[in-house]
Amino acid sequence: AGNATSCSDKPSVLADVVENSWLLSVDSWKPLEKYSILNLANEWGPANSSVWQDSYIGAVAKMRAAGYLSTLMIDAGGCGQDIDDLVHHAAQVFDSDPQKKLRTSLNQSFQSP
């Protein structure tokens, strides 16, 4: 999907990446899954939103139904910067995964004072 997902907050963009990138290439990725963490959609999602939560719950369900067993990476919304997605919604997404193999990412840079 490249940069198509970065800073997008449209659920259709996430759904398109899952359907047209991940699900169409499951046979290519299955042999590598024990060595891989798959980032579903780089920096996709609205900030502090149940839309982020619900969209990722649906995406994880589709990935698992397609046979992906590997760890899935889910970036925070708001261009990968929103900690509130993780604080308020990540537990629900994690709990929805039958594999319990999700990781989150927050793309923050920290500077020393």
PDB file of N, CA and C in Angstrom:
ATOM      1  N   ALA A   1       0.820  -1.196   0.000  1.00  0.00           N
ATOM      2  CA  ALA A   1       0.000   0.000   0.000  1.00  0.00           C
ATOM      3  C   ALA A   1       0.858   1.251   0.000  1.00  0.00           C
ATOM      4  N   GLY A   2       2.136   1.105   0.344  1.00  0.00           N
ATOM      5  CA  GLY A   2       3.019   2.274   0.326  1.00  0.00           C
ATOM      6  C   GLY A   2       2.529   3.364   1.236  1.00  0.00           C
ATOM      7  N   ASN A   3       2.500   4.586   0.714  1.00  0.00           N
ATOM      8  CA  ASN A   3       2.089   5.733   1.503  1.00  0.00           C
ATOM      9  C   ASN A   3       0.601   6.034   1.393  1.00  0.00           C
ATOM     10  N   ALA A   4      -0.148   5.199   0.713  1.00  0.00           N
ATOM     11  CA  ALA A   4      -1.577   5.464   0.505  1.00  0.00           C
ATOM     12  C   ALA A   4      -2.340   5.584   1.820  1.00  0.00           C
ATOM     13  N   THR A   5      -1.868   4.912   2.859  1.00  0.00           N
ATOM     14  CA  THR A   5      -2.587   4.939   4.130  1.00  0.00           C
ATOM     15  C   THR A   5      -2.131   6.055   5.059  1.00  0.00           C
ATOM     16  N   SER A   6      -0.923   6.544   4.883  1.00  0.00           N
ATOM     17  CA  SER A   6      -0.370   7.538   5.799  1.00  0.00           C
ATOM     18  C   SER A   6      -1.269   8.767   5.890  1.00  0.00           C
ATOM     19  N   CYS A   7      -1.657   9.059   7.114  1.00  0.00           N
ATOM     20  CA  CYS A   7      -2.475  10.224   7.464  1.00  0.00           C
ATOM     21  C   CYS A   7      -3.893  10.176   6.896  1.00  0.00           C
ATOM     22  N   SER A   8      -4.314   9.051   6.374  1.00  0.00           N
ATOM     23  CA  SER A   8      -5.708   8.917   5.955  1.00  0.00           C
ATOM     24  C   SER A   8      -6.548   8.531   7.166  1.00  0.00           C
ATOM     25  N   ASP A   9      -7.759   9.059   7.223  1.00  0.00           N
ATOM     26  CA  ASP A   9      -8.672   8.668   8.297  1.00  0.00           C
ATOM     27  C   ASP A   9      -9.949   8.037   7.733  1.00  0.00           C
ATOM     28  N   LYS A  10      -9.913   7.660   6.474  1.00  0.00           N
ATOM     29  CA  LYS A  10     -11.083   7.072   5.815  1.00  0.00           C
ATOM     30  C   LYS A  10     -11.084   5.556   5.996  1.00  0.00           C
ATOM     31  N   PRO A  11     -12.136   4.994   6.591  1.00  0.00           N
ATOM     32  CA  PRO A  11     -12.210   3.540   6.754  1.00  0.00           C
ATOM     33  C   PRO A  11     -12.086   2.787   5.432  1.00  0.00           C
ATOM     34  N   SER A  12     -12.537   3.387   4.337  1.00  0.00           N
ATOM     35  CA  SER A  12     -12.444   2.718   3.039  1.00  0.00           C
ATOM     36  C   SER A  12     -10.997   2.493   2.614  1.00  0.00           C
ATOM     37  N   VAL A  13     -10.084   3.353   3.035  1.00  0.00           N
ATOM     38  CA  VAL A  13      -8.670   3.190   2.693  1.00  0.00           C
ATOM     39  C   VAL A  13      -8.101   1.966   3.402  1.00  0.00           C
ATOM     40  N   LEU A  14      -8.386   1.819   4.688  1.00  0.00           N
ATOM     41  CA  LEU A  14      -7.931   0.637   5.422  1.00  0.00           C
ATOM     42  C   LEU A  14      -8.545  -0.625   4.827  1.00  0.00           C
ATOM     43  N   ALA A  15      -9.835  -0.597   4.566  1.00  0.00           N
ATOM     44  CA  ALA A  15     -10.511  -1.774   3.995  1.00  0.00           C
ATOM     45  C   ALA A  15      -9.902  -2.156   2.652  1.00  0.00           C
ATOM     46  N   ASP A  16      -9.578  -1.160   1.832  1.00  0.00           N
ATOM     47  CA  ASP A  16      -8.983  -1.414   0.525  1.00  0.00           C
ATOM     48  C   ASP A  16      -7.609  -2.058   0.649  1.00  0.00           C
ATOM     49  N   VAL A  17      -6.789  -1.585   1.573  1.00  0.00           N
ATOM     50  CA  VAL A  17      -5.457  -2.161   1.774  1.00  0.00           C
ATOM     51  C   VAL A  17      -5.573  -3.612   2.222  1.00  0.00           C
ATOM     52  N   VAL A  18      -6.462  -3.876   3.159  1.00  0.00           N
ATOM     53  CA  VAL A  18      -6.628  -5.252   3.639  1.00  0.00           C
ATOM     54  C   VAL A  18      -7.100  -6.149   2.499  1.00  0.00           C
ATOM     55  N   GLU A  19      -8.125  -5.725   1.794  1.00  0.00           N
ATOM     56  CA  GLU A  19      -8.690  -6.540   0.710  1.00  0.00           C
ATOM     57  C   GLU A  19      -7.735  -6.715  -0.464  1.00  0.00           C
ATOM     58  N   ASN A  20      -7.151  -5.622  -0.928  1.00  0.00           N
ATOM     59  CA  ASN A  20      -6.412  -5.650  -2.184  1.00  0.00           C
ATOM     60  C   ASN A  20      -4.903  -5.811  -2.044  1.00  0.00           C
ATOM     61  N   SER A  21      -4.392  -5.715  -0.855  1.00  0.00           N
ATOM     62  CA  SER A  21      -2.960  -5.965  -0.659  1.00  0.00           C
ATOM     63  C   SER A  21      -2.758  -7.249   0.142  1.00  0.00           C
ATOM     64  N   TRP A  22      -3.235  -7.257   1.369  1.00  0.00           N
ATOM     65  CA  TRP A  22      -2.976  -8.396   2.242  1.00  0.00           C
ATOM     66  C   TRP A  22      -3.743  -9.648   1.840  1.00  0.00           C
ATOM     67  N   LEU A  23      -5.025  -9.543   1.620  1.00  0.00           N
ATOM     68  CA  LEU A  23      -5.805 -10.757   1.342  1.00  0.00           C
ATOM     69  C   LEU A  23      -5.463 -11.366  -0.015  1.00  0.00           C
ATOM     70  N   LEU A  24      -5.113 -10.549  -0.970  1.00  0.00           N
ATOM     71  CA  LEU A  24      -4.740 -11.072  -2.288  1.00  0.00           C
ATOM     72  C   LEU A  24      -3.352 -11.709  -2.295  1.00  0.00           C
ATOM     73  N   SER A  25      -2.534 -11.408  -1.307  1.00  0.00           N
ATOM     74  CA  SER A  25      -1.176 -11.949  -1.297  1.00  0.00           C
ATOM     75  C   SER A  25      -0.917 -12.893  -0.124  1.00  0.00           C
ATOM     76  N   VAL A  26      -1.962 -13.455   0.446  1.00  0.00           N
ATOM     77  CA  VAL A  26      -1.806 -14.340   1.599  1.00  0.00           C
ATOM     78  C   VAL A  26      -0.881 -15.515   1.287  1.00  0.00           C
ATOM     79  N   ASP A  27      -0.947 -16.084   0.096  1.00  0.00           N
ATOM     80  CA  ASP A  27      -0.088 -17.221  -0.241  1.00  0.00           C
ATOM     81  C   ASP A  27       1.394 -16.848  -0.261  1.00  0.00           C
ATOM     82  N   SER A  28       1.694 -15.610  -0.586  1.00  0.00           N
ATOM     83  CA  SER A  28       3.083 -15.147  -0.589  1.00  0.00           C
ATOM     84  C   SER A  28       3.620 -14.934   0.822  1.00  0.00           C
ATOM     85  N   TRP A  29       2.771 -14.455   1.720  1.00  0.00           N
ATOM     86  CA  TRP A  29       3.217 -14.121   3.075  1.00  0.00           C
ATOM     87  C   TRP A  29       3.174 -15.280   4.053  1.00  0.00           C
ATOM     88  N   LYS A  30       2.300 -16.265   3.826  1.00  0.00           N
ATOM     89  CA  LYS A  30       2.159 -17.387   4.775  1.00  0.00           C
ATOM     90  C   LYS A  30       3.491 -18.067   5.102  1.00  0.00           C
ATOM     91  N   PRO A  31       4.357 -18.351   4.111  1.00  0.00           N
ATOM     92  CA  PRO A  31       5.614 -19.020   4.451  1.00  0.00           C
ATOM     93  C   PRO A  31       6.546 -18.174   5.331  1.00  0.00           C
ATOM     94  N   LEU A  32       6.331 -16.875   5.369  1.00  0.00           N
ATOM     95  CA  LEU A  32       7.205 -15.972   6.125  1.00  0.00           C
ATOM     96  C   LEU A  32       6.624 -15.541   7.461  1.00  0.00           C
ATOM     97  N   GLU A  33       5.396 -15.941   7.755  1.00  0.00           N
ATOM     98  CA  GLU A  33       4.707 -15.335   8.890  1.00  0.00           C
ATOM     99  C   GLU A  33       5.359 -15.589  10.244  1.00  0.00           C
ATOM    100  N   LYS A  34       6.040 -16.706  10.427  1.00  0.00           N
ATOM    101  CA  LYS A  34       6.654 -16.921  11.739  1.00  0.00           C
ATOM    102  C   LYS A  34       7.866 -16.014  11.961  1.00  0.00           C
ATOM    103  N   TYR A  35       8.336 -15.377  10.892  1.00  0.00           N
ATOM    104  CA  TYR A  35       9.476 -14.471  10.974  1.00  0.00           C
ATOM    105  C   TYR A  35       9.059 -13.004  10.832  1.00  0.00           C
ATOM    106  N   SER A  36       7.775 -12.746  10.701  1.00  0.00           N
ATOM    107  CA  SER A  36       7.319 -11.415  10.297  1.00  0.00           C
ATOM    108  C   SER A  36       6.357 -10.777  11.287  1.00  0.00           C
ATOM    109  N   ILE A  37       6.384  -9.469  11.289  1.00  0.00           N
ATOM    110  CA  ILE A  37       5.335  -8.653  11.889  1.00  0.00           C
ATOM    111  C   ILE A  37       4.772  -7.842  10.731  1.00  0.00           C
ATOM    112  N   LEU A  38       3.492  -7.988  10.471  1.00  0.00           N
ATOM    113  CA  LEU A  38       2.866  -7.318   9.330  1.00  0.00           C
ATOM    114  C   LEU A  38       2.193  -6.022   9.771  1.00  0.00           C
ATOM    115  N   ASN A  39       2.658  -4.917   9.245  1.00  0.00           N
ATOM    116  CA  ASN A  39       2.047  -3.619   9.531  1.00  0.00           C
ATOM    117  C   ASN A  39       0.869  -3.449   8.564  1.00  0.00           C
ATOM    118  N   LEU A  40      -0.341  -3.527   9.095  1.00  0.00           N
ATOM    119  CA  LEU A  40      -1.526  -3.529   8.234  1.00  0.00           C
ATOM    120  C   LEU A  40      -1.659  -2.280   7.385  1.00  0.00           C
ATOM    121  N   ALA A  41      -1.443  -1.126   7.969  1.00  0.00           N
ATOM    122  CA  ALA A  41      -1.648   0.129   7.225  1.00  0.00           C
ATOM    123  C   ALA A  41      -0.837   1.223   7.907  1.00  0.00           C
ATOM    124  N   ASN A  42       0.232   1.637   7.272  1.00  0.00           N
ATOM    125  CA  ASN A  42       1.135   2.613   7.866  1.00  0.00           C
ATOM    126  C   ASN A  42       0.426   3.921   8.227  1.00  0.00           C
ATOM    127  N   GLU A  43       0.416   4.229   9.528  1.00  0.00           N
ATOM    128  CA  GLU A  43      -0.080   5.500  10.062  1.00  0.00           C
ATOM    129  C   GLU A  43      -1.513   5.828   9.659  1.00  0.00           C
ATOM    130  N   TRP A  44      -2.336   4.807   9.469  1.00  0.00           N
ATOM    131  CA  TRP A  44      -3.733   5.036   9.104  1.00  0.00           C
ATOM    132  C   TRP A  44      -4.557   5.339  10.349  1.00  0.00           C
ATOM    133  N   GLY A  45      -5.571   6.144  10.186  1.00  0.00           N
ATOM    134  CA  GLY A  45      -6.622   6.253  11.176  1.00  0.00           C
ATOM    135  C   GLY A  45      -6.878   7.623  11.742  1.00  0.00           C
ATOM    136  N   PRO A  46      -8.132   7.824  12.127  1.00  0.00           N
ATOM    137  CA  PRO A  46      -8.502   9.063  12.805  1.00  0.00           C
ATOM    138  C   PRO A  46      -7.977   9.058  14.241  1.00  0.00           C
ATOM    139  N   ALA A  47      -7.763  10.225  14.777  1.00  0.00           N
ATOM    140  CA  ALA A  47      -7.269  10.361  16.143  1.00  0.00           C
ATOM    141  C   ALA A  47      -8.405  10.171  17.151  1.00  0.00           C
ATOM    142  N   ASN A  48      -8.082   9.460  18.238  1.00  0.00           N
ATOM    143  CA  ASN A  48      -8.987   9.228  19.374  1.00  0.00           C
ATOM    144  C   ASN A  48     -10.407   8.946  18.907  1.00  0.00           C
ATOM    145  N   SER A  49     -10.558   7.850  18.215  1.00  0.00           N
ATOM    146  CA  SER A  49     -11.833   7.592  17.558  1.00  0.00           C
ATOM    147  C   SER A  49     -12.237   6.128  17.644  1.00  0.00           C
ATOM    148  N   SER A  50     -13.520   5.916  17.895  1.00  0.00           N
ATOM    149  CA  SER A  50     -14.030   4.550  17.833  1.00  0.00           C
ATOM    150  C   SER A  50     -14.019   4.032  16.399  1.00  0.00           C
ATOM    151  N   VAL A  51     -13.921   4.930  15.415  1.00  0.00           N
ATOM    152  CA  VAL A  51     -13.784   4.507  14.016  1.00  0.00           C
ATOM    153  C   VAL A  51     -12.449   3.775  13.848  1.00  0.00           C
ATOM    154  N   TRP A  52     -11.389   4.274  14.464  1.00  0.00           N
ATOM    155  CA  TRP A  52     -10.084   3.597  14.459  1.00  0.00           C
ATOM    156  C   TRP A  52     -10.248   2.197  15.031  1.00  0.00           C
ATOM    157  N   GLN A  53     -10.870   2.123  16.196  1.00  0.00           N
ATOM    158  CA  GLN A  53     -11.084   0.847  16.877  1.00  0.00           C
ATOM    159  C   GLN A  53     -11.900  -0.118  16.014  1.00  0.00           C
ATOM    160  N   ASP A  54     -13.064   0.304  15.570  1.00  0.00           N
ATOM    161  CA  ASP A  54     -13.962  -0.583  14.824  1.00  0.00           C
ATOM    162  C   ASP A  54     -13.370  -1.016  13.486  1.00  0.00           C
ATOM    163  N   SER A  55     -12.663  -0.111  12.836  1.00  0.00           N
ATOM    164  CA  SER A  55     -12.051  -0.442  11.548  1.00  0.00           C
ATOM    165  C   SER A  55     -10.945  -1.481  11.719  1.00  0.00           C
ATOM    166  N   TYR A  56     -10.143  -1.338  12.762  1.00  0.00           N
ATOM    167  CA  TYR A  56      -9.092  -2.325  12.998  1.00  0.00           C
ATOM    168  C   TYR A  56      -9.654  -3.653  13.501  1.00  0.00           C
ATOM    169  N   ILE A  57     -10.710  -3.632  14.266  1.00  0.00           N
ATOM    170  CA  ILE A  57     -11.332  -4.897  14.670  1.00  0.00           C
ATOM    171  C   ILE A  57     -11.779  -5.667  13.429  1.00  0.00           C
ATOM    172  N   GLY A  58     -12.392  -4.967  12.481  1.00  0.00           N
ATOM    173  CA  GLY A  58     -12.814  -5.607  11.234  1.00  0.00           C
ATOM    174  C   GLY A  58     -11.633  -6.084  10.404  1.00  0.00           C
ATOM    175  N   ALA A  59     -10.575  -5.282  10.331  1.00  0.00           N
ATOM    176  CA  ALA A  59      -9.389  -5.652   9.548  1.00  0.00           C
ATOM    177  C   ALA A  59      -8.707  -6.885  10.139  1.00  0.00           C
ATOM    178  N   VAL A  60      -8.570  -6.928  11.453  1.00  0.00           N
ATOM    179  CA  VAL A  60      -7.949  -8.083  12.105  1.00  0.00           C
ATOM    180  C   VAL A  60      -8.786  -9.332  11.859  1.00  0.00           C
ATOM    181  N   ALA A  61     -10.095  -9.213  11.961  1.00  0.00           N
ATOM    182  CA  ALA A  61     -10.971 -10.364  11.718  1.00  0.00           C
ATOM    183  C   ALA A  61     -10.792 -10.905  10.297  1.00  0.00           C
ATOM    184  N   LYS A  62     -10.685 -10.014   9.321  1.00  0.00           N
ATOM    185  CA  LYS A  62     -10.489 -10.453   7.934  1.00  0.00           C
ATOM    186  C   LYS A  62      -9.128 -11.115   7.750  1.00  0.00           C
ATOM    187  N   MET A  63      -8.110 -10.562   8.368  1.00  0.00           N
ATOM    188  CA  MET A  63      -6.770 -11.152   8.260  1.00  0.00           C
ATOM    189  C   MET A  63      -6.744 -12.553   8.872  1.00  0.00           C
ATOM    190  N   ARG A  64      -7.352 -12.703  10.020  1.00  0.00           N
ATOM    191  CA  ARG A  64      -7.373 -14.020  10.677  1.00  0.00           C
ATOM    192  C   ARG A  64      -8.217 -15.012   9.875  1.00  0.00           C
ATOM    193  N   ALA A  65      -9.340 -14.565   9.347  1.00  0.00           N
ATOM    194  CA  ALA A  65     -10.191 -15.444   8.533  1.00  0.00           C
ATOM    195  C   ALA A  65      -9.459 -15.900   7.267  1.00  0.00           C
ATOM    196  N   ALA A  66      -8.552 -15.072   6.757  1.00  0.00           N
ATOM    197  CA  ALA A  66      -7.782 -15.425   5.560  1.00  0.00           C
ATOM    198  C   ALA A  66      -6.632 -16.378   5.879  1.00  0.00           C
ATOM    199  N   GLY A  67      -6.377 -16.584   7.163  1.00  0.00           N
ATOM    200  CA  GLY A  67      -5.336 -17.536   7.553  1.00  0.00           C
ATOM    201  C   GLY A  67      -4.052 -16.930   8.078  1.00  0.00           C
ATOM    202  N   TYR A  68      -3.983 -15.606   8.162  1.00  0.00           N
ATOM    203  CA  TYR A  68      -2.788 -14.986   8.727  1.00  0.00           C
ATOM    204  C   TYR A  68      -2.732 -15.271  10.227  1.00  0.00           C
ATOM    205  N   LEU A  69      -1.633 -15.849  10.682  1.00  0.00           N
ATOM    206  CA  LEU A  69      -1.457 -16.157  12.093  1.00  0.00           C
ATOM    207  C   LEU A  69      -0.350 -15.323  12.733  1.00  0.00           C
ATOM    208  N   SER A  70       0.355 -14.560  11.935  1.00  0.00           N
ATOM    209  CA  SER A  70       1.497 -13.793  12.431  1.00  0.00           C
ATOM    210  C   SER A  70       1.053 -12.612  13.286  1.00  0.00           C
ATOM    211  N   THR A  71       2.037 -11.994  13.904  1.00  0.00           N
ATOM    212  CA  THR A  71       1.798 -10.765  14.650  1.00  0.00           C
ATOM    213  C   THR A  71       1.435  -9.661  13.663  1.00  0.00           C
ATOM    214  N   LEU A  72       0.418  -8.896  14.018  1.00  0.00           N
ATOM    215  CA  LEU A  72      -0.021  -7.778  13.193  1.00  0.00           C
ATOM    216  C   LEU A  72       0.298  -6.473  13.925  1.00  0.00           C
ATOM    217  N   MET A  73       0.881  -5.539  13.189  1.00  0.00           N
ATOM    218  CA  MET A  73       1.203  -4.219  13.732  1.00  0.00           C
ATOM    219  C   MET A  73       0.070  -3.261  13.388  1.00  0.00           C
ATOM    220  N   ILE A  74      -0.337  -2.499  14.384  1.00  0.00           N
ATOM    221  CA  ILE A  74      -1.398  -1.512  14.193  1.00  0.00           C
ATOM    222  C   ILE A  74      -0.876  -0.174  14.691  1.00  0.00           C
ATOM    223  N   ASP A  75      -0.727   0.761  13.766  1.00  0.00           N
ATOM    224  CA  ASP A  75      -0.239   2.088  14.129  1.00  0.00           C
ATOM    225  C   ASP A  75      -1.344   2.932  14.755  1.00  0.00           C
ATOM    226  N   ALA A  76      -0.926   3.858  15.580  1.00  0.00           N
ATOM    227  CA  ALA A  76      -1.860   4.842  16.123  1.00  0.00           C
ATOM    228  C   ALA A  76      -2.413   5.692  14.985  1.00  0.00           C
ATOM    229  N   GLY A  77      -3.599   6.222  15.173  1.00  0.00           N
ATOM    230  CA  GLY A  77      -4.188   7.126  14.194  1.00  0.00           C
ATOM    231  C   GLY A  77      -3.521   8.495  14.259  1.00  0.00           C
ATOM    232  N   GLY A  78      -4.130   9.454  13.585  1.00  0.00           N
ATOM    233  CA  GLY A  78      -3.572  10.802  13.583  1.00  0.00           C
ATOM    234  C   GLY A  78      -2.159  10.822  13.042  1.00  0.00           C
ATOM    235  N   CYS A  79      -1.960  10.178  11.898  1.00  0.00           N
ATOM    236  CA  CYS A  79      -0.633  10.093  11.255  1.00  0.00           C
ATOM    237  C   CYS A  79       0.379   9.353  12.129  1.00  0.00           C
ATOM    238  N   GLY A  80      -0.106   8.394  12.901  1.00  0.00           N
ATOM    239  CA  GLY A  80       0.778   7.618  13.761  1.00  0.00           C
ATOM    240  C   GLY A  80       1.190   8.332  15.031  1.00  0.00           C
ATOM    241  N   GLN A  81       0.551   9.457  15.352  1.00  0.00           N
ATOM    242  CA  GLN A  81       0.959  10.300  16.469  1.00  0.00           C
ATOM    243  C   GLN A  81       0.008  10.274  17.672  1.00  0.00           C
ATOM    244  N   ASP A  82      -1.170   9.682  17.520  1.00  0.00           N
ATOM    245  CA  ASP A  82      -2.209   9.850  18.538  1.00  0.00           C
ATOM    246  C   ASP A  82      -2.179   8.769  19.608  1.00  0.00           C
ATOM    247  N   ILE A  83      -1.677   9.118  20.760  1.00  0.00           N
ATOM    248  CA  ILE A  83      -1.630   8.166  21.864  1.00  0.00           C
ATOM    249  C   ILE A  83      -3.031   7.830  22.384  1.00  0.00           C
ATOM    250  N   ASP A  84      -3.999   8.735  22.195  1.00  0.00           N
ATOM    251  CA  ASP A  84      -5.352   8.489  22.692  1.00  0.00           C
ATOM    252  C   ASP A  84      -6.007   7.283  22.032  1.00  0.00           C
ATOM    253  N   ASP A  85      -5.705   7.011  20.755  1.00  0.00           N
ATOM    254  CA  ASP A  85      -6.218   5.788  20.134  1.00  0.00           C
ATOM    255  C   ASP A  85      -5.767   4.570  20.928  1.00  0.00           C
ATOM    256  N   LEU A  86      -4.501   4.577  21.302  1.00  0.00           N
ATOM    257  CA  LEU A  86      -3.959   3.431  22.029  1.00  0.00           C
ATOM    258  C   LEU A  86      -4.503   3.357  23.447  1.00  0.00           C
ATOM    259  N   VAL A  87      -4.556   4.496  24.126  1.00  0.00           N
ATOM    260  CA  VAL A  87      -5.029   4.518  25.513  1.00  0.00           C
ATOM    261  C   VAL A  87      -6.505   4.118  25.610  1.00  0.00           C
ATOM    262  N   HIS A  88      -7.329   4.645  24.702  1.00  0.00           N
ATOM    263  CA  HIS A  88      -8.769   4.455  24.820  1.00  0.00           C
ATOM    264  C   HIS A  88      -9.339   3.283  24.022  1.00  0.00           C
ATOM    265  N   HIS A  89      -8.610   2.821  23.002  1.00  0.00           N
ATOM    266  CA  HIS A  89      -9.221   1.851  22.090  1.00  0.00           C
ATOM    267  C   HIS A  89      -8.402   0.592  21.808  1.00  0.00           C
ATOM    268  N   ALA A  90      -7.120   0.585  22.123  1.00  0.00           N
ATOM    269  CA  ALA A  90      -6.279  -0.551  21.750  1.00  0.00           C
ATOM    270  C   ALA A  90      -6.683  -1.845  22.462  1.00  0.00           C
ATOM    271  N   ALA A  91      -7.135  -1.768  23.694  1.00  0.00           N
ATOM    272  CA  ALA A  91      -7.511  -2.985  24.425  1.00  0.00           C
ATOM    273  C   ALA A  91      -8.661  -3.717  23.733  1.00  0.00           C
ATOM    274  N   GLN A  92      -9.616  -2.966  23.207  1.00  0.00           N
ATOM    275  CA  GLN A  92     -10.745  -3.586  22.514  1.00  0.00           C
ATOM    276  C   GLN A  92     -10.285  -4.271  21.227  1.00  0.00           C
ATOM    277  N   VAL A  93      -9.360  -3.640  20.523  1.00  0.00           N
ATOM    278  CA  VAL A  93      -8.834  -4.257  19.303  1.00  0.00           C
ATOM    279  C   VAL A  93      -8.061  -5.522  19.674  1.00  0.00           C
ATOM    280  N   PHE A  94      -7.210  -5.446  20.685  1.00  0.00           N
ATOM    281  CA  PHE A  94      -6.443  -6.610  21.127  1.00  0.00           C
ATOM    282  C   PHE A  94      -7.375  -7.754  21.545  1.00  0.00           C
ATOM    283  N   ASP A  95      -8.378  -7.427  22.326  1.00  0.00           N
ATOM    284  CA  ASP A  95      -9.306  -8.452  22.808  1.00  0.00           C
ATOM    285  C   ASP A  95     -10.081  -9.118  21.671  1.00  0.00           C
ATOM    286  N   SER A  96     -10.215  -8.436  20.545  1.00  0.00           N
ATOM    287  CA  SER A  96     -10.952  -9.011  19.418  1.00  0.00           C
ATOM    288  C   SER A  96     -10.130 -10.042  18.643  1.00  0.00           C
ATOM    289  N   ASP A  97      -8.825 -10.064  18.860  1.00  0.00           N
ATOM    290  CA  ASP A  97      -7.942 -10.945  18.094  1.00  0.00           C
ATOM    291  C   ASP A  97      -7.871 -12.336  18.728  1.00  0.00           C
ATOM    292  N   PRO A  98      -8.339 -13.356  18.025  1.00  0.00           N
ATOM    293  CA  PRO A  98      -8.273 -14.701  18.593  1.00  0.00           C
ATOM    294  C   PRO A  98      -6.835 -15.189  18.804  1.00  0.00           C
ATOM    295  N   GLN A  99      -5.876 -14.659  18.040  1.00  0.00           N
ATOM    296  CA  GLN A  99      -4.471 -15.046  18.193  1.00  0.00           C
ATOM    297  C   GLN A  99      -3.776 -14.290  19.326  1.00  0.00           C
ATOM    298  N   LYS A 100      -4.340 -13.147  19.719  1.00  0.00           N
ATOM    299  CA  LYS A 100      -3.718 -12.273  20.728  1.00  0.00           C
ATOM    300  C   LYS A 100      -2.276 -11.960  20.333  1.00  0.00           C
ATOM    301  N   LYS A 101      -2.103 -11.654  19.037  1.00  0.00           N
ATOM    302  CA  LYS A 101      -0.778 -11.345  18.505  1.00  0.00           C
ATOM    303  C   LYS A 101      -0.829 -10.018  17.755  1.00  0.00           C
ATOM    304  N   LEU A 102      -1.081  -8.959  18.505  1.00  0.00           N
ATOM    305  CA  LEU A 102      -1.105  -7.610  17.941  1.00  0.00           C
ATOM    306  C   LEU A 102      -0.059  -6.772  18.656  1.00  0.00           C
ATOM    307  N   ARG A 103       0.537  -5.858  17.924  1.00  0.00           N
ATOM    308  CA  ARG A 103       1.451  -4.876  18.483  1.00  0.00           C
ATOM    309  C   ARG A 103       0.998  -3.516  17.991  1.00  0.00           C
ATOM    310  N   THR A 104       1.241  -2.515  18.802  1.00  0.00           N
ATOM    311  CA  THR A 104       0.879  -1.160  18.404  1.00  0.00           C
ATOM    312  C   THR A 104       2.143  -0.344  18.196  1.00  0.00           C
ATOM    313  N   SER A 105       1.958   0.725  17.470  1.00  0.00           N
ATOM    314  CA  SER A 105       3.076   1.594  17.163  1.00  0.00           C
ATOM    315  C   SER A 105       2.626   3.039  17.318  1.00  0.00           C
ATOM    316  N   LEU A 106       3.451   3.810  17.976  1.00  0.00           N
ATOM    317  CA  LEU A 106       3.240   5.245  18.101  1.00  0.00           C
ATOM    318  C   LEU A 106       4.501   5.903  17.571  1.00  0.00           C
ATOM    319  N   ASN A 107       4.373   6.619  16.493  1.00  0.00           N
ATOM    320  CA  ASN A 107       5.531   7.227  15.840  1.00  0.00           C
ATOM    321  C   ASN A 107       5.803   8.618  16.403  1.00  0.00           C
ATOM    322  N   GLN A 108       6.319   8.637  17.594  1.00  0.00           N
ATOM    323  CA  GLN A 108       6.634   9.905  18.258  1.00  0.00           C
ATOM    324  C   GLN A 108       8.138  10.059  18.330  1.00  0.00           C
ATOM    325  N   SER A 109       8.591  11.263  18.188  1.00  0.00           N
ATOM    326  CA  SER A 109      10.018  11.519  18.434  1.00  0.00           C
ATOM    327  C   SER A 109      10.110  12.326  19.726  1.00  0.00           C
ATOM    328  N   PHE A 110      11.083  11.979  20.533  1.00  0.00           N
ATOM    329  CA  PHE A 110      11.251  12.652  21.799  1.00  0.00           C
ATOM    330  C   PHE A 110      12.620  13.337  21.799  1.00  0.00           C
ATOM    331  N   GLN A 111      12.626  14.536  22.342  1.00  0.00           N
ATOM    332  CA  GLN A 111      13.880  15.287  22.406  1.00  0.00           C
ATOM    333  C   GLN A 111      14.239  15.516  23.865  1.00  0.00           C
ATOM    334  N   SER A 112      15.540  15.481  24.153  1.00  0.00           N
ATOM    335  CA  SER A 112      15.937  15.801  25.514  1.00  0.00           C
ATOM    336  C   SER A 112      15.773  17.285  25.765  1.00  0.00           C
ATOM    337  N   PRO A 113      15.467  17.617  27.010  1.00  0.00           N
ATOM    338  CA  PRO A 113      15.284  19.045  27.349  1.00  0.00           C
ATOM    339  C   PRO A 113      16.541  19.857  27.171  1.00  0.00           C
TER     340      PRO A 113
END
